[in-house]
Amino acid sequence: MSKAKVLGLLLAGVLLAIFLVENWHYPEPPIQFLGFRFLPLPHALVMLSCFALGFLGGYATHAWRMKQQKTETPSPSASTE
């Protein structure tokens, strides 16, 4: 991993932490789903969980596609001449 990528990820993490700290004490949104009311959660936690779900979904899809691509392509060492 290059130093620029590490610094970029570190900067993104610091900015996310600052965002969470600044928005943690805002009023809790009313979260309801199918008529059920959930515990009041801070805005920052709701936004972070939505980001995490989206990131994990994308990561899982990418990993699944890479696994499929790896099993479909024959390895170069298996070829016979």
C-alpha atoms as a PDB file:
ATOM      1  CA  MET A   1       0.000   0.000   0.000  1.00  0.00           C
ATOM      2  CA  SER A   2       1.488   3.308  -1.014  1.00  0.00           C
ATOM      3  CA  LYS A   3       2.158   6.089   1.452  1.00  0.00           C
ATOM      4  CA  ALA A   4      -0.295   8.394  -0.336  1.00  0.00           C
ATOM      5  CA  LYS A   5      -3.105   5.861   0.035  1.00  0.00           C
ATOM      6  CA  VAL A   6      -2.327   5.344   3.726  1.00  0.00           C
ATOM      7  CA  LEU A   7      -2.268   9.092   4.334  1.00  0.00           C
ATOM      8  CA  GLY A   8      -5.548   9.483   2.435  1.00  0.00           C
ATOM      9  CA  LEU A   9      -7.234   6.778   4.503  1.00  0.00           C
ATOM     10  CA  LEU A  10      -5.845   8.271   7.697  1.00  0.00           C
ATOM     11  CA  LEU A  11      -7.130  11.719   6.720  1.00  0.00           C
ATOM     12  CA  ALA A  12     -10.561  10.276   5.873  1.00  0.00           C
ATOM     13  CA  GLY A  13     -10.662   8.522   9.255  1.00  0.00           C
ATOM     14  CA  VAL A  14      -9.736  11.704  11.112  1.00  0.00           C
ATOM     15  CA  LEU A  15     -12.383  13.696   9.221  1.00  0.00           C
ATOM     16  CA  LEU A  16     -14.981  11.024   9.985  1.00  0.00           C
ATOM     17  CA  ALA A  17     -14.040  11.080  13.680  1.00  0.00           C
ATOM     18  CA  ILE A  18     -14.338  14.878  13.771  1.00  0.00           C
ATOM     19  CA  PHE A  19     -17.732  14.649  12.071  1.00  0.00           C
ATOM     20  CA  LEU A  20     -18.939  12.081  14.605  1.00  0.00           C
ATOM     21  CA  VAL A  21     -17.807  14.102  17.614  1.00  0.00           C
ATOM     22  CA  GLU A  22     -19.381  17.320  16.324  1.00  0.00           C
ATOM     23  CA  ASN A  23     -22.728  15.692  15.484  1.00  0.00           C
ATOM     24  CA  TRP A  24     -23.067  13.245  18.357  1.00  0.00           C
ATOM     25  CA  HIS A  25     -25.210  15.465  20.601  1.00  0.00           C
ATOM     26  CA  TYR A  26     -27.844  16.527  18.068  1.00  0.00           C
ATOM     27  CA  PRO A  27     -31.423  15.402  18.749  1.00  0.00           C
ATOM     28  CA  GLU A  28     -32.130  11.766  18.101  1.00  0.00           C
ATOM     29  CA  PRO A  29     -34.222  11.106  14.996  1.00  0.00           C
ATOM     30  CA  PRO A  30     -37.366   9.024  15.378  1.00  0.00           C
ATOM     31  CA  ILE A  31     -36.389   5.700  13.818  1.00  0.00           C
ATOM     32  CA  GLN A  32     -39.314   3.482  12.914  1.00  0.00           C
ATOM     33  CA  PHE A  33     -39.530   0.373  10.783  1.00  0.00           C
ATOM     34  CA  LEU A  34     -42.730  -1.566  10.104  1.00  0.00           C
ATOM     35  CA  GLY A  35     -44.471   0.187  12.968  1.00  0.00           C
ATOM     36  CA  PHE A  36     -41.755  -0.602  15.520  1.00  0.00           C
ATOM     37  CA  ARG A  37     -39.955   2.246  17.213  1.00  0.00           C
ATOM     38  CA  PHE A  38     -36.273   1.710  17.924  1.00  0.00           C
ATOM     39  CA  LEU A  39     -34.147   3.212  20.656  1.00  0.00           C
ATOM     40  CA  PRO A  40     -33.264   6.840  20.022  1.00  0.00           C
ATOM     41  CA  LEU A  41     -29.938   6.993  18.232  1.00  0.00           C
ATOM     42  CA  PRO A  42     -27.721  10.015  17.549  1.00  0.00           C
ATOM     43  CA  HIS A  43     -27.622  11.295  13.952  1.00  0.00           C
ATOM     44  CA  ALA A  44     -23.929  10.504  13.685  1.00  0.00           C
ATOM     45  CA  LEU A  45     -24.489   6.850  14.577  1.00  0.00           C
ATOM     46  CA  VAL A  46     -27.304   6.512  12.053  1.00  0.00           C
ATOM     47  CA  MET A  47     -25.188   8.064   9.282  1.00  0.00           C
ATOM     48  CA  LEU A  48     -22.133   6.007  10.170  1.00  0.00           C
ATOM     49  CA  SER A  49     -24.134   2.776  10.187  1.00  0.00           C
ATOM     50  CA  CYS A  50     -25.610   3.594   6.754  1.00  0.00           C
ATOM     51  CA  PHE A  51     -22.095   4.252   5.443  1.00  0.00           C
ATOM     52  CA  ALA A  52     -20.809   1.011   6.963  1.00  0.00           C
ATOM     53  CA  LEU A  53     -23.662  -1.044   5.478  1.00  0.00           C
ATOM     54  CA  GLY A  54     -23.031   0.431   2.032  1.00  0.00           C
ATOM     55  CA  PHE A  55     -19.282  -0.118   2.302  1.00  0.00           C
ATOM     56  CA  LEU A  56     -19.643  -3.714   3.479  1.00  0.00           C
ATOM     57  CA  GLY A  57     -22.152  -4.473   0.716  1.00  0.00           C
ATOM     58  CA  GLY A  58     -19.778  -3.132  -1.924  1.00  0.00           C
ATOM     59  CA  TYR A  59     -16.811  -4.939  -0.407  1.00  0.00           C
ATOM     60  CA  ALA A  60     -18.688  -8.259  -0.255  1.00  0.00           C
ATOM     61  CA  THR A  61     -19.813  -7.904  -3.875  1.00  0.00           C
ATOM     62  CA  HIS A  62     -16.273  -7.110  -4.995  1.00  0.00           C
ATOM     63  CA  ALA A  63     -14.827 -10.056  -3.057  1.00  0.00           C
ATOM     64  CA  TRP A  64     -17.466 -12.401  -4.503  1.00  0.00           C
ATOM     65  CA  ARG A  65     -16.723 -11.255  -8.074  1.00  0.00           C
ATOM     66  CA  MET A  66     -12.972 -11.648  -7.560  1.00  0.00           C
ATOM     67  CA  LYS A  67     -13.517 -15.157  -6.210  1.00  0.00           C
ATOM     68  CA  GLN A  68     -15.668 -16.038  -9.223  1.00  0.00           C
ATOM     69  CA  GLN A  69     -13.111 -14.595 -11.625  1.00  0.00           C
ATOM     70  CA  LYS A  70     -10.289 -16.484  -9.928  1.00  0.00           C
ATOM     71  CA  THR A  71     -12.093 -19.837 -10.193  1.00  0.00           C
ATOM     72  CA  GLU A  72     -13.012 -19.275 -13.869  1.00  0.00           C
ATOM     73  CA  THR A  73      -9.503 -18.451 -15.108  1.00  0.00           C
ATOM     74  CA  PRO A  74      -7.072 -21.371 -15.200  1.00  0.00           C
ATOM     75  CA  SER A  75      -3.787 -20.903 -13.425  1.00  0.00           C
ATOM     76  CA  PRO A  76      -0.703 -20.537 -15.682  1.00  0.00           C
ATOM     77  CA  SER A  77       1.172 -23.311 -13.858  1.00  0.00           C
ATOM     78  CA  ALA A  78      -1.529 -25.868 -14.743  1.00  0.00           C
ATOM     79  CA  SER A  79      -0.962 -25.585 -18.498  1.00  0.00           C
ATOM     80  CA  THR A  80       0.765 -28.473 -20.261  1.00  0.00           C
ATOM     81  CA  GLU A  81       2.832 -28.153 -23.394  1.00  0.00           C
END
